[in-house]
Amino acid sequence: MHGGRSTGPRTAAGRERSTRARWKHGYYSAERQREFERRKAECAAFNTAQAEYHAMLFGAMKALLRKEAKAARNARRRRKRRAERLRRVEWAQRQARVREAQTRLAAKKAAQPASGDHHQRGPR
């Protein structure tokens, strides 16, 4: 048709027109990359600020929760020790009642006549 293949644009303006004509979406352009990096840095700064805020806010809450958990644990331990002391006291009281009953039974047996004596009759 015209004698050969194109050798491309020769002037800076021609090269610029050619570049713009070929540009499909701009996702990988330098401008788009700079915008992406700027937004990425903005997000990182926001995330850092949020992390610091959460550490400040929730740090105090975590400390309070740890303190409450410790108090609850100590209360459970106190209740357990109190119940154990009560069981020991009740056991000692039960043992004392058993010993007392054994002593009464032994005294009752000692007061009874010998096994052969209770069949004998007194004088008639």
PDB file of N, CA and C in Angstrom:
ATOM      1  N   MET A   1       0.798  -1.172   0.000  1.00  0.00           N
ATOM      2  CA  MET A   1       0.000   0.000   0.000  1.00  0.00           C
ATOM      3  C   MET A   1       0.863   1.267   0.000  1.00  0.00           C
ATOM      4  N   HIS A   2       1.827   1.350   0.896  1.00  0.00           N
ATOM      5  CA  HIS A   2       2.618   2.576   0.885  1.00  0.00           C
ATOM      6  C   HIS A   2       4.111   2.316   0.861  1.00  0.00           C
ATOM      7  N   GLY A   3       4.498   1.123   0.723  1.00  0.00           N
ATOM      8  CA  GLY A   3       5.907   0.872   0.513  1.00  0.00           C
ATOM      9  C   GLY A   3       6.651   0.269   1.667  1.00  0.00           C
ATOM     10  N   GLY A   4       6.062  -0.051   2.821  1.00  0.00           N
ATOM     11  CA  GLY A   4       6.802  -0.709   3.911  1.00  0.00           C
ATOM     12  C   GLY A   4       6.137  -0.526   5.269  1.00  0.00           C
ATOM     13  N   ARG A   5       6.727  -1.175   6.223  1.00  0.00           N
ATOM     14  CA  ARG A   5       6.186  -1.101   7.581  1.00  0.00           C
ATOM     15  C   ARG A   5       6.534   0.227   8.207  1.00  0.00           C
ATOM     16  N   SER A   6       5.730   0.616   9.233  1.00  0.00           N
ATOM     17  CA  SER A   6       5.960   1.889   9.899  1.00  0.00           C
ATOM     18  C   SER A   6       7.193   1.771  10.782  1.00  0.00           C
ATOM     19  N   THR A   7       7.933   2.826  10.880  1.00  0.00           N
ATOM     20  CA  THR A   7       9.096   2.853  11.760  1.00  0.00           C
ATOM     21  C   THR A   7       8.759   3.529  13.074  1.00  0.00           C
ATOM     22  N   GLY A   8       7.481   3.882  13.284  1.00  0.00           N
ATOM     23  CA  GLY A   8       7.043   4.468  14.533  1.00  0.00           C
ATOM     24  C   GLY A   8       7.175   5.963  14.540  1.00  0.00           C
ATOM     25  N   PRO A   9       6.667   6.608  15.581  1.00  0.00           N
ATOM     26  CA  PRO A   9       6.739   8.065  15.665  1.00  0.00           C
ATOM     27  C   PRO A   9       8.175   8.515  15.905  1.00  0.00           C
ATOM     28  N   ARG A  10       8.499   9.655  15.344  1.00  0.00           N
ATOM     29  CA  ARG A  10       9.878  10.133  15.434  1.00  0.00           C
ATOM     30  C   ARG A  10      10.020  11.298  16.405  1.00  0.00           C
ATOM     31  N   THR A  11       8.978  12.098  16.581  1.00  0.00           N
ATOM     32  CA  THR A  11       9.071  13.264  17.460  1.00  0.00           C
ATOM     33  C   THR A  11       8.536  12.912  18.843  1.00  0.00           C
ATOM     34  N   ALA A  12       8.861  13.728  19.813  1.00  0.00           N
ATOM     35  CA  ALA A  12       8.388  13.510  21.201  1.00  0.00           C
ATOM     36  C   ALA A  12       6.868  13.597  21.243  1.00  0.00           C
ATOM     37  N   ALA A  13       6.295  14.542  20.519  1.00  0.00           N
ATOM     38  CA  ALA A  13       4.833  14.693  20.496  1.00  0.00           C
ATOM     39  C   ALA A  13       4.196  13.459  19.869  1.00  0.00           C
ATOM     40  N   GLY A  14       4.818  12.925  18.813  1.00  0.00           N
ATOM     41  CA  GLY A  14       4.302  11.726  18.156  1.00  0.00           C
ATOM     42  C   GLY A  14       4.376  10.517  19.084  1.00  0.00           C
ATOM     43  N   ARG A  15       5.481  10.407  19.764  1.00  0.00           N
ATOM     44  CA  ARG A  15       5.611   9.296  20.712  1.00  0.00           C
ATOM     45  C   ARG A  15       4.568   9.401  21.821  1.00  0.00           C
ATOM     46  N   GLU A  16       4.295  10.608  22.309  1.00  0.00           N
ATOM     47  CA  GLU A  16       3.276  10.823  23.356  1.00  0.00           C
ATOM     48  C   GLU A  16       1.897  10.421  22.840  1.00  0.00           C
ATOM     49  N   ARG A  17       1.555  10.839  21.593  1.00  0.00           N
ATOM     50  CA  ARG A  17       0.261  10.460  21.006  1.00  0.00           C
ATOM     51  C   ARG A  17       0.152   8.951  20.874  1.00  0.00           C
ATOM     52  N   SER A  18       1.224   8.316  20.477  1.00  0.00           N
ATOM     53  CA  SER A  18       1.225   6.872  20.301  1.00  0.00           C
ATOM     54  C   SER A  18       1.026   6.170  21.653  1.00  0.00           C
ATOM     55  N   THR A  19       1.679   6.673  22.657  1.00  0.00           N
ATOM     56  CA  THR A  19       1.544   6.100  24.001  1.00  0.00           C
ATOM     57  C   THR A  19       0.107   6.202  24.480  1.00  0.00           C
ATOM     58  N   ARG A  20      -0.507   7.390  24.312  1.00  0.00           N
ATOM     59  CA  ARG A  20      -1.888   7.580  24.758  1.00  0.00           C
ATOM     60  C   ARG A  20      -2.862   6.733  23.945  1.00  0.00           C
ATOM     61  N   ALA A  21      -2.580   6.536  22.702  1.00  0.00           N
ATOM     62  CA  ALA A  21      -3.476   5.738  21.865  1.00  0.00           C
ATOM     63  C   ALA A  21      -3.440   4.274  22.284  1.00  0.00           C
ATOM     64  N   ARG A  22      -2.301   3.811  22.746  1.00  0.00           N
ATOM     65  CA  ARG A  22      -2.142   2.409  23.126  1.00  0.00           C
ATOM     66  C   ARG A  22      -2.608   2.149  24.559  1.00  0.00           C
ATOM     67  N   TRP A  23      -2.779   3.184  25.350  1.00  0.00           N
ATOM     68  CA  TRP A  23      -3.109   3.054  26.772  1.00  0.00           C
ATOM     69  C   TRP A  23      -4.502   2.470  26.927  1.00  0.00           C
ATOM     70  N   LYS A  24      -4.608   1.295  27.587  1.00  0.00           N
ATOM     71  CA  LYS A  24      -5.896   0.626  27.726  1.00  0.00           C
ATOM     72  C   LYS A  24      -6.598   0.990  29.023  1.00  0.00           C
ATOM     73  N   HIS A  25      -5.912   0.850  30.125  1.00  0.00           N
ATOM     74  CA  HIS A  25      -6.584   1.081  31.411  1.00  0.00           C
ATOM     75  C   HIS A  25      -5.768   1.900  32.381  1.00  0.00           C
ATOM     76  N   GLY A  26      -4.486   1.922  32.288  1.00  0.00           N
ATOM     77  CA  GLY A  26      -3.655   2.735  33.163  1.00  0.00           C
ATOM     78  C   GLY A  26      -3.339   2.087  34.504  1.00  0.00           C
ATOM     79  N   TYR A  27      -3.668   0.811  34.693  1.00  0.00           N
ATOM     80  CA  TYR A  27      -3.431   0.166  35.982  1.00  0.00           C
ATOM     81  C   TYR A  27      -1.958   0.089  36.338  1.00  0.00           C
ATOM     82  N   TYR A  28      -1.100   0.012  35.346  1.00  0.00           N
ATOM     83  CA  TYR A  28       0.313  -0.163  35.620  1.00  0.00           C
ATOM     84  C   TYR A  28       1.126   1.086  35.316  1.00  0.00           C
ATOM     85  N   SER A  29       0.454   2.199  35.130  1.00  0.00           N
ATOM     86  CA  SER A  29       1.180   3.428  34.816  1.00  0.00           C
ATOM     87  C   SER A  29       1.910   3.911  36.067  1.00  0.00           C
ATOM     88  N   ALA A  30       2.914   4.752  35.856  1.00  0.00           N
ATOM     89  CA  ALA A  30       3.692   5.286  36.973  1.00  0.00           C
ATOM     90  C   ALA A  30       2.793   6.114  37.886  1.00  0.00           C
ATOM     91  N   GLU A  31       1.875   6.864  37.287  1.00  0.00           N
ATOM     92  CA  GLU A  31       0.957   7.679  38.086  1.00  0.00           C
ATOM     93  C   GLU A  31       0.082   6.785  38.964  1.00  0.00           C
ATOM     94  N   ARG A  32      -0.409   5.719  38.348  1.00  0.00           N
ATOM     95  CA  ARG A  32      -1.271   4.798  39.104  1.00  0.00           C
ATOM     96  C   ARG A  32      -0.475   4.102  40.228  1.00  0.00           C
ATOM     97  N   GLN A  33       0.768   3.753  39.949  1.00  0.00           N
ATOM     98  CA  GLN A  33       1.616   3.127  40.972  1.00  0.00           C
ATOM     99  C   GLN A  33       1.888   4.091  42.122  1.00  0.00           C
ATOM    100  N   ARG A  34       2.139   5.368  41.805  1.00  0.00           N
ATOM    101  CA  ARG A  34       2.368   6.367  42.860  1.00  0.00           C
ATOM    102  C   ARG A  34       1.125   6.521  43.723  1.00  0.00           C
ATOM    103  N   GLU A  35      -0.054   6.574  43.087  1.00  0.00           N
ATOM    104  CA  GLU A  35      -1.311   6.685  43.828  1.00  0.00           C
ATOM    105  C   GLU A  35      -1.511   5.468  44.736  1.00  0.00           C
ATOM    106  N   PHE A  36      -1.197   4.274  44.197  1.00  0.00           N
ATOM    107  CA  PHE A  36      -1.318   3.057  44.998  1.00  0.00           C
ATOM    108  C   PHE A  36      -0.395   3.106  46.210  1.00  0.00           C
ATOM    109  N   GLU A  37       0.853   3.490  46.023  1.00  0.00           N
ATOM    110  CA  GLU A  37       1.822   3.570  47.127  1.00  0.00           C
ATOM    111  C   GLU A  37       1.386   4.613  48.158  1.00  0.00           C
ATOM    112  N   ARG A  38       0.842   5.761  47.679  1.00  0.00           N
ATOM    113  CA  ARG A  38       0.374   6.793  48.601  1.00  0.00           C
ATOM    114  C   ARG A  38      -0.769   6.244  49.470  1.00  0.00           C
ATOM    115  N   ARG A  39      -1.718   5.574  48.836  1.00  0.00           N
ATOM    116  CA  ARG A  39      -2.851   5.016  49.592  1.00  0.00           C
ATOM    117  C   ARG A  39      -2.393   3.912  50.549  1.00  0.00           C
ATOM    118  N   LYS A  40      -1.434   3.119  50.091  1.00  0.00           N
ATOM    119  CA  LYS A  40      -0.904   2.055  50.943  1.00  0.00           C
ATOM    120  C   LYS A  40      -0.250   2.658  52.196  1.00  0.00           C
ATOM    121  N   ALA A  41       0.522   3.718  52.016  1.00  0.00           N
ATOM    122  CA  ALA A  41       1.163   4.389  53.153  1.00  0.00           C
ATOM    123  C   ALA A  41       0.099   5.014  54.061  1.00  0.00           C
ATOM    124  N   GLU A  42      -0.945   5.572  53.467  1.00  0.00           N
ATOM    125  CA  GLU A  42      -2.046   6.162  54.248  1.00  0.00           C
ATOM    126  C   GLU A  42      -2.735   5.092  55.096  1.00  0.00           C
ATOM    127  N   CYS A  43      -2.989   3.933  54.502  1.00  0.00           N
ATOM    128  CA  CYS A  43      -3.615   2.833  55.247  1.00  0.00           C
ATOM    129  C   CYS A  43      -2.708   2.340  56.369  1.00  0.00           C
ATOM    130  N   ALA A  44      -1.412   2.234  56.082  1.00  0.00           N
ATOM    131  CA  ALA A  44      -0.465   1.788  57.110  1.00  0.00           C
ATOM    132  C   ALA A  44      -0.444   2.765  58.275  1.00  0.00           C
ATOM    133  N   ALA A  45      -0.464   4.059  57.984  1.00  0.00           N
ATOM    134  CA  ALA A  45      -0.475   5.074  59.045  1.00  0.00           C
ATOM    135  C   ALA A  45      -1.765   4.971  59.855  1.00  0.00           C
ATOM    136  N   PHE A  46      -2.893   4.778  59.158  1.00  0.00           N
ATOM    137  CA  PHE A  46      -4.170   4.629  59.855  1.00  0.00           C
ATOM    138  C   PHE A  46      -4.157   3.389  60.750  1.00  0.00           C
ATOM    139  N   ASN A  47      -3.658   2.269  60.212  1.00  0.00           N
ATOM    140  CA  ASN A  47      -3.609   1.039  60.996  1.00  0.00           C
ATOM    141  C   ASN A  47      -2.712   1.183  62.222  1.00  0.00           C
ATOM    142  N   THR A  48      -1.607   1.888  62.066  1.00  0.00           N
ATOM    143  CA  THR A  48      -0.708   2.122  63.194  1.00  0.00           C
ATOM    144  C   THR A  48      -1.412   2.962  64.260  1.00  0.00           C
ATOM    145  N   ALA A  49      -2.107   4.008  63.809  1.00  0.00           N
ATOM    146  CA  ALA A  49      -2.831   4.864  64.758  1.00  0.00           C
ATOM    147  C   ALA A  49      -3.922   4.061  65.466  1.00  0.00           C
ATOM    148  N   GLN A  50      -4.646   3.218  64.713  1.00  0.00           N
ATOM    149  CA  GLN A  50      -5.694   2.382  65.318  1.00  0.00           C
ATOM    150  C   GLN A  50      -5.105   1.414  66.319  1.00  0.00           C
ATOM    151  N   ALA A  51      -3.959   0.801  65.986  1.00  0.00           N
ATOM    152  CA  ALA A  51      -3.314  -0.156  66.899  1.00  0.00           C
ATOM    153  C   ALA A  51      -2.906   0.547  68.193  1.00  0.00           C
ATOM    154  N   GLU A  52      -2.367   1.760  68.078  1.00  0.00           N
ATOM    155  CA  GLU A  52      -1.976   2.517  69.273  1.00  0.00           C
ATOM    156  C   GLU A  52      -3.204   2.869  70.107  1.00  0.00           C
ATOM    157  N   TYR A  53      -4.275   3.283  69.448  1.00  0.00           N
ATOM    158  CA  TYR A  53      -5.514   3.633  70.152  1.00  0.00           C
ATOM    159  C   TYR A  53      -6.089   2.408  70.860  1.00  0.00           C
ATOM    160  N   HIS A  54      -6.133   1.278  70.153  1.00  0.00           N
ATOM    161  CA  HIS A  54      -6.657   0.056  70.763  1.00  0.00           C
ATOM    162  C   HIS A  54      -5.787  -0.408  71.918  1.00  0.00           C
ATOM    163  N   ALA A  55      -4.462  -0.278  71.767  1.00  0.00           N
ATOM    164  CA  ALA A  55      -3.566  -0.664  72.855  1.00  0.00           C
ATOM    165  C   ALA A  55      -3.833   0.201  74.087  1.00  0.00           C
ATOM    166  N   MET A  56      -4.039   1.499  73.857  1.00  0.00           N
ATOM    167  CA  MET A  56      -4.311   2.402  74.972  1.00  0.00           C
ATOM    168  C   MET A  56      -5.664   2.079  75.592  1.00  0.00           C
ATOM    169  N   LEU A  57      -6.673   1.910  74.754  1.00  0.00           N
ATOM    170  CA  LEU A  57      -8.030   1.690  75.238  1.00  0.00           C
ATOM    171  C   LEU A  57      -8.191   0.312  75.863  1.00  0.00           C
ATOM    172  N   PHE A  58      -7.793  -0.717  75.114  1.00  0.00           N
ATOM    173  CA  PHE A  58      -8.009  -2.076  75.584  1.00  0.00           C
ATOM    174  C   PHE A  58      -6.947  -2.535  76.570  1.00  0.00           C
ATOM    175  N   GLY A  59      -5.810  -1.867  76.599  1.00  0.00           N
ATOM    176  CA  GLY A  59      -4.775  -2.209  77.580  1.00  0.00           C
ATOM    177  C   GLY A  59      -5.307  -2.028  78.998  1.00  0.00           C
ATOM    178  N   ALA A  60      -5.992  -0.902  79.210  1.00  0.00           N
ATOM    179  CA  ALA A  60      -6.574  -0.649  80.535  1.00  0.00           C
ATOM    180  C   ALA A  60      -7.677  -1.660  80.828  1.00  0.00           C
ATOM    181  N   MET A  61      -8.466  -1.983  79.809  1.00  0.00           N
ATOM    182  CA  MET A  61      -9.542  -2.957  80.011  1.00  0.00           C
ATOM    183  C   MET A  61      -8.974  -4.339  80.320  1.00  0.00           C
ATOM    184  N   LYS A  62      -7.921  -4.727  79.618  1.00  0.00           N
ATOM    185  CA  LYS A  62      -7.298  -6.025  79.874  1.00  0.00           C
ATOM    186  C   LYS A  62      -6.734  -6.078  81.288  1.00  0.00           C
ATOM    187  N   ALA A  63      -6.106  -4.991  81.729  1.00  0.00           N
ATOM    188  CA  ALA A  63      -5.558  -4.952  83.083  1.00  0.00           C
ATOM    189  C   ALA A  63      -6.685  -5.102  84.106  1.00  0.00           C
ATOM    190  N   LEU A  64      -7.796  -4.423  83.858  1.00  0.00           N
ATOM    191  CA  LEU A  64      -8.940  -4.526  84.765  1.00  0.00           C
ATOM    192  C   LEU A  64      -9.506  -5.944  84.766  1.00  0.00           C
ATOM    193  N   LEU A  65      -9.612  -6.559  83.591  1.00  0.00           N
ATOM    194  CA  LEU A  65     -10.108  -7.934  83.509  1.00  0.00           C
ATOM    195  C   LEU A  65      -9.177  -8.906  84.220  1.00  0.00           C
ATOM    196  N   ARG A  66      -7.868  -8.710  84.064  1.00  0.00           N
ATOM    197  CA  ARG A  66      -6.910  -9.569  84.771  1.00  0.00           C
ATOM    198  C   ARG A  66      -7.073  -9.418  86.277  1.00  0.00           C
ATOM    199  N   LYS A  67      -7.267  -8.171  86.730  1.00  0.00           N
ATOM    200  CA  LYS A  67      -7.442  -7.916  88.158  1.00  0.00           C
ATOM    201  C   LYS A  67      -8.720  -8.589  88.669  1.00  0.00           C
ATOM    202  N   GLU A  68      -9.809  -8.484  87.887  1.00  0.00           N
ATOM    203  CA  GLU A  68     -11.071  -9.118  88.291  1.00  0.00           C
ATOM    204  C   GLU A  68     -10.956 -10.639  88.281  1.00  0.00           C
ATOM    205  N   ALA A  69     -10.257 -11.186  87.296  1.00  0.00           N
ATOM    206  CA  ALA A  69     -10.064 -12.639  87.230  1.00  0.00           C
ATOM    207  C   ALA A  69      -9.260 -13.116  88.427  1.00  0.00           C
ATOM    208  N   LYS A  70      -8.258 -12.350  88.804  1.00  0.00           N
ATOM    209  CA  LYS A  70      -7.447 -12.711  89.970  1.00  0.00           C
ATOM    210  C   LYS A  70      -8.289 -12.667  91.238  1.00  0.00           C
ATOM    211  N   ALA A  71      -9.123 -11.648  91.371  1.00  0.00           N
ATOM    212  CA  ALA A  71      -9.986 -11.538  92.553  1.00  0.00           C
ATOM    213  C   ALA A  71     -10.976 -12.708  92.598  1.00  0.00           C
ATOM    214  N   ALA A  72     -11.538 -13.074  91.460  1.00  0.00           N
ATOM    215  CA  ALA A  72     -12.478 -14.203  91.403  1.00  0.00           C
ATOM    216  C   ALA A  72     -11.771 -15.504  91.757  1.00  0.00           C
ATOM    217  N   ARG A  73     -10.555 -15.688  91.239  1.00  0.00           N
ATOM    218  CA  ARG A  73      -9.780 -16.892  91.541  1.00  0.00           C
ATOM    219  C   ARG A  73      -9.470 -16.968  93.034  1.00  0.00           C
ATOM    220  N   ASN A  74      -9.083 -15.841  93.622  1.00  0.00           N
ATOM    221  CA  ASN A  74      -8.793 -15.827  95.056  1.00  0.00           C
ATOM    222  C   ASN A  74     -10.049 -16.101  95.877  1.00  0.00           C
ATOM    223  N   ALA A  75     -11.189 -15.570  95.434  1.00  0.00           N
ATOM    224  CA  ALA A  75     -12.450 -15.824  96.138  1.00  0.00           C
ATOM    225  C   ALA A  75     -12.798 -17.314  96.082  1.00  0.00           C
ATOM    226  N   ARG A  76     -12.587 -17.934  94.910  1.00  0.00           N
ATOM    227  CA  ARG A  76     -12.841 -19.386  94.801  1.00  0.00           C
ATOM    228  C   ARG A  76     -11.927 -20.157  95.736  1.00  0.00           C
ATOM    229  N   ARG A  77     -10.670 -19.747  95.809  1.00  0.00           N
ATOM    230  CA  ARG A  77      -9.724 -20.431  96.705  1.00  0.00           C
ATOM    231  C   ARG A  77     -10.139 -20.261  98.157  1.00  0.00           C
ATOM    232  N   ARG A  78     -10.581 -19.055  98.515  1.00  0.00           N
ATOM    233  CA  ARG A  78     -11.022 -18.832  99.902  1.00  0.00           C
ATOM    234  C   ARG A  78     -12.225 -19.700 100.231  1.00  0.00           C
ATOM    235  N   ARG A  79     -13.203 -19.756  99.296  1.00  0.00           N
ATOM    236  CA  ARG A  79     -14.382 -20.604  99.524  1.00  0.00           C
ATOM    237  C   ARG A  79     -13.982 -22.064  99.677  1.00  0.00           C
ATOM    238  N   LYS A  80     -13.052 -22.499  98.858  1.00  0.00           N
ATOM    239  CA  LYS A  80     -12.597 -23.893  98.913  1.00  0.00           C
ATOM    240  C   LYS A  80     -11.920 -24.175 100.251  1.00  0.00           C
ATOM    241  N   ARG A  81     -11.047 -23.269 100.692  1.00  0.00           N
ATOM    242  CA  ARG A  81     -10.373 -23.467 101.990  1.00  0.00           C
ATOM    243  C   ARG A  81     -11.376 -23.453 103.131  1.00  0.00           C
ATOM    244  N   ARG A  82     -12.357 -22.538 103.049  1.00  0.00           N
ATOM    245  CA  ARG A  82     -13.381 -22.458 104.099  1.00  0.00           C
ATOM    246  C   ARG A  82     -14.191 -23.752 104.139  1.00  0.00           C
ATOM    247  N   ALA A  83     -14.571 -24.272 102.985  1.00  0.00           N
ATOM    248  CA  ALA A  83     -15.329 -25.522 102.922  1.00  0.00           C
ATOM    249  C   ALA A  83     -14.492 -26.676 103.461  1.00  0.00           C
ATOM    250  N   GLU A  84     -13.204 -26.686 103.141  1.00  0.00           N
ATOM    251  CA  GLU A  84     -12.324 -27.748 103.648  1.00  0.00           C
ATOM    252  C   GLU A  84     -12.213 -27.671 105.170  1.00  0.00           C
ATOM    253  N   ARG A  85     -12.055 -26.466 105.716  1.00  0.00           N
ATOM    254  CA  ARG A  85     -12.013 -26.318 107.188  1.00  0.00           C
ATOM    255  C   ARG A  85     -13.311 -26.801 107.808  1.00  0.00           C
ATOM    256  N   LEU A  86     -14.439 -26.428 107.179  1.00  0.00           N
ATOM    257  CA  LEU A  86     -15.739 -26.850 107.691  1.00  0.00           C
ATOM    258  C   LEU A  86     -15.864 -28.373 107.655  1.00  0.00           C
ATOM    259  N   ARG A  87     -15.404 -28.997 106.572  1.00  0.00           N
ATOM    260  CA  ARG A  87     -15.445 -30.468 106.496  1.00  0.00           C
ATOM    261  C   ARG A  87     -14.599 -31.090 107.595  1.00  0.00           C
ATOM    262  N   ARG A  88     -13.416 -30.513 107.848  1.00  0.00           N
ATOM    263  CA  ARG A  88     -12.558 -31.055 108.907  1.00  0.00           C
ATOM    264  C   ARG A  88     -13.207 -30.910 110.269  1.00  0.00           C
ATOM    265  N   VAL A  89     -13.837 -29.761 110.527  1.00  0.00           N
ATOM    266  CA  VAL A  89     -14.519 -29.546 111.813  1.00  0.00           C
ATOM    267  C   VAL A  89     -15.682 -30.526 111.953  1.00  0.00           C
ATOM    268  N   GLU A  90     -16.480 -30.668 110.889  1.00  0.00           N
ATOM    269  CA  GLU A  90     -17.600 -31.610 110.945  1.00  0.00           C
ATOM    270  C   GLU A  90     -17.105 -33.031 111.157  1.00  0.00           C
ATOM    271  N   TRP A  91     -16.013 -33.402 110.502  1.00  0.00           N
ATOM    272  CA  TRP A  91     -15.449 -34.736 110.670  1.00  0.00           C
ATOM    273  C   TRP A  91     -15.009 -34.941 112.110  1.00  0.00           C
ATOM    274  N   ALA A  92     -14.329 -33.937 112.673  1.00  0.00           N
ATOM    275  CA  ALA A  92     -13.871 -34.037 114.072  1.00  0.00           C
ATOM    276  C   ALA A  92     -15.072 -34.159 115.005  1.00  0.00           C
ATOM    277  N   GLN A  93     -16.126 -33.387 114.742  1.00  0.00           N
ATOM    278  CA  GLN A  93     -17.325 -33.484 115.583  1.00  0.00           C
ATOM    279  C   GLN A  93     -17.966 -34.860 115.453  1.00  0.00           C
ATOM    280  N   ARG A  94     -18.027 -35.376 114.244  1.00  0.00           N
ATOM    281  CA  ARG A  94     -18.588 -36.714 114.015  1.00  0.00           C
ATOM    282  C   ARG A  94     -17.760 -37.762 114.755  1.00  0.00           C
ATOM    283  N   GLN A  95     -16.437 -37.642 114.683  1.00  0.00           N
ATOM    284  CA  GLN A  95     -15.563 -38.579 115.384  1.00  0.00           C
ATOM    285  C   GLN A  95     -15.782 -38.490 116.890  1.00  0.00           C
ATOM    286  N   ALA A  96     -15.966 -37.281 117.403  1.00  0.00           N
ATOM    287  CA  ALA A  96     -16.201 -37.103 118.840  1.00  0.00           C
ATOM    288  C   ALA A  96     -17.520 -37.766 119.233  1.00  0.00           C
ATOM    289  N   ARG A  97     -18.558 -37.616 118.398  1.00  0.00           N
ATOM    290  CA  ARG A  97     -19.843 -38.261 118.694  1.00  0.00           C
ATOM    291  C   ARG A  97     -19.712 -39.783 118.668  1.00  0.00           C
ATOM    292  N   VAL A  98     -18.928 -40.313 117.721  1.00  0.00           N
ATOM    293  CA  VAL A  98     -18.711 -41.758 117.648  1.00  0.00           C
ATOM    294  C   VAL A  98     -17.990 -42.235 118.900  1.00  0.00           C
ATOM    295  N   ARG A  99     -16.926 -41.525 119.308  1.00  0.00           N
ATOM    296  CA  ARG A  99     -16.192 -41.906 120.527  1.00  0.00           C
ATOM    297  C   ARG A  99     -17.099 -41.848 121.749  1.00  0.00           C
ATOM    298  N   GLU A 100     -17.933 -40.807 121.803  1.00  0.00           N
ATOM    299  CA  GLU A 100     -18.855 -40.666 122.924  1.00  0.00           C
ATOM    300  C   GLU A 100     -19.847 -41.834 122.953  1.00  0.00           C
ATOM    301  N   ALA A 101     -20.367 -42.207 121.791  1.00  0.00           N
ATOM    302  CA  ALA A 101     -21.302 -43.333 121.707  1.00  0.00           C
ATOM    303  C   ALA A 101     -20.597 -44.628 122.088  1.00  0.00           C
ATOM    304  N   GLN A 102     -19.367 -44.806 121.668  1.00  0.00           N
ATOM    305  CA  GLN A 102     -18.613 -46.006 122.023  1.00  0.00           C
ATOM    306  C   GLN A 102     -18.365 -46.050 123.533  1.00  0.00           C
ATOM    307  N   THR A 103     -18.060 -44.898 124.115  1.00  0.00           N
ATOM    308  CA  THR A 103     -17.831 -44.837 125.562  1.00  0.00           C
ATOM    309  C   THR A 103     -19.114 -45.192 126.306  1.00  0.00           C
ATOM    310  N   ARG A 104     -20.266 -44.642 125.880  1.00  0.00           N
ATOM    311  CA  ARG A 104     -21.542 -44.960 126.528  1.00  0.00           C
ATOM    312  C   ARG A 104     -21.858 -46.443 126.403  1.00  0.00           C
ATOM    313  N   LEU A 105     -21.622 -47.002 125.230  1.00  0.00           N
ATOM    314  CA  LEU A 105     -21.887 -48.421 125.012  1.00  0.00           C
ATOM    315  C   LEU A 105     -20.990 -49.272 125.899  1.00  0.00           C
ATOM    316  N   ALA A 106     -19.725 -48.913 126.005  1.00  0.00           N
ATOM    317  CA  ALA A 106     -18.795 -49.655 126.865  1.00  0.00           C
ATOM    318  C   ALA A 106     -19.238 -49.542 128.312  1.00  0.00           C
ATOM    319  N   ALA A 107     -19.680 -48.369 128.751  1.00  0.00           N
ATOM    320  CA  ALA A 107     -20.132 -48.186 130.134  1.00  0.00           C
ATOM    321  C   ALA A 107     -21.398 -49.002 130.385  1.00  0.00           C
ATOM    322  N   LYS A 108     -22.293 -49.037 129.409  1.00  0.00           N
ATOM    323  CA  LYS A 108     -23.534 -49.803 129.534  1.00  0.00           C
ATOM    324  C   LYS A 108     -23.228 -51.295 129.649  1.00  0.00           C
ATOM    325  N   LYS A 109     -22.280 -51.768 128.835  1.00  0.00           N
ATOM    326  CA  LYS A 109     -21.893 -53.176 128.888  1.00  0.00           C
ATOM    327  C   LYS A 109     -21.239 -53.504 130.220  1.00  0.00           C
ATOM    328  N   ALA A 110     -20.454 -52.591 130.737  1.00  0.00           N
ATOM    329  CA  ALA A 110     -19.783 -52.818 132.020  1.00  0.00           C
ATOM    330  C   ALA A 110     -20.800 -52.863 133.149  1.00  0.00           C
ATOM    331  N   ALA A 111     -21.894 -52.128 133.046  1.00  0.00           N
ATOM    332  CA  ALA A 111     -22.907 -52.092 134.097  1.00  0.00           C
ATOM    333  C   ALA A 111     -23.787 -53.338 134.068  1.00  0.00           C
ATOM    334  N   GLN A 112     -23.880 -54.011 132.958  1.00  0.00           N
ATOM    335  CA  GLN A 112     -24.705 -55.220 132.876  1.00  0.00           C
ATOM    336  C   GLN A 112     -24.027 -56.361 133.620  1.00  0.00           C
ATOM    337  N   PRO A 113     -24.836 -57.273 134.192  1.00  0.00           N
ATOM    338  CA  PRO A 113     -24.224 -58.425 134.862  1.00  0.00           C
ATOM    339  C   PRO A 113     -23.532 -59.308 133.840  1.00  0.00           C
ATOM    340  N   ALA A 114     -22.685 -60.180 134.328  1.00  0.00           N
ATOM    341  CA  ALA A 114     -21.963 -61.092 133.448  1.00  0.00           C
ATOM    342  C   ALA A 114     -22.969 -61.923 132.683  1.00  0.00           C
ATOM    343  N   SER A 115     -22.584 -62.507 131.590  1.00  0.00           N
ATOM    344  CA  SER A 115     -23.529 -63.188 130.715  1.00  0.00           C
ATOM    345  C   SER A 115     -24.220 -64.364 131.398  1.00  0.00           C
ATOM    346  N   GLY A 116     -23.562 -65.067 132.280  1.00  0.00           N
ATOM    347  CA  GLY A 116     -24.202 -66.174 132.979  1.00  0.00           C
ATOM    348  C   GLY A 116     -25.019 -65.725 134.166  1.00  0.00           C
ATOM    349  N   ASP A 117     -24.786 -64.595 134.739  1.00  0.00           N
ATOM    350  CA  ASP A 117     -25.432 -64.131 135.961  1.00  0.00           C
ATOM    351  C   ASP A 117     -26.875 -63.710 135.737  1.00  0.00           C
ATOM    352  N   HIS A 118     -27.246 -63.294 134.598  1.00  0.00           N
ATOM    353  CA  HIS A 118     -28.580 -62.734 134.426  1.00  0.00           C
ATOM    354  C   HIS A 118     -29.659 -63.825 134.419  1.00  0.00           C
ATOM    355  N   HIS A 119     -29.264 -65.124 134.291  1.00  0.00           N
ATOM    356  CA  HIS A 119     -30.249 -66.211 134.342  1.00  0.00           C
ATOM    357  C   HIS A 119     -30.499 -66.731 135.770  1.00  0.00           C
ATOM    358  N   GLN A 120     -29.622 -66.388 136.665  1.00  0.00           N
ATOM    359  CA  GLN A 120     -29.791 -66.882 138.030  1.00  0.00           C
ATOM    360  C   GLN A 120     -30.896 -66.100 138.720  1.00  0.00           C
ATOM    361  N   ARG A 121     -31.631 -66.854 139.512  1.00  0.00           N
ATOM    362  CA  ARG A 121     -32.698 -66.205 140.271  1.00  0.00           C
ATOM    363  C   ARG A 121     -32.207 -65.960 141.684  1.00  0.00           C
ATOM    364  N   GLY A 122     -32.725 -64.945 142.153  1.00  0.00           N
ATOM    365  CA  GLY A 122     -32.385 -64.636 143.544  1.00  0.00           C
ATOM    366  C   GLY A 122     -33.135 -65.569 144.496  1.00  0.00           C
ATOM    367  N   PRO A 123     -32.966 -65.442 145.814  1.00  0.00           N
ATOM    368  CA  PRO A 123     -33.665 -66.293 146.805  1.00  0.00           C
ATOM    369  C   PRO A 123     -35.158 -66.111 146.685  1.00  0.00           C
ATOM    370  N   ARG A 124     -35.895 -67.265 146.889  1.00  0.00           N
ATOM    371  CA  ARG A 124     -37.335 -67.220 146.821  1.00  0.00           C
ATOM    372  C   ARG A 124     -37.946 -67.232 148.122  1.00  0.00           C
TER     373      ARG A 124
END
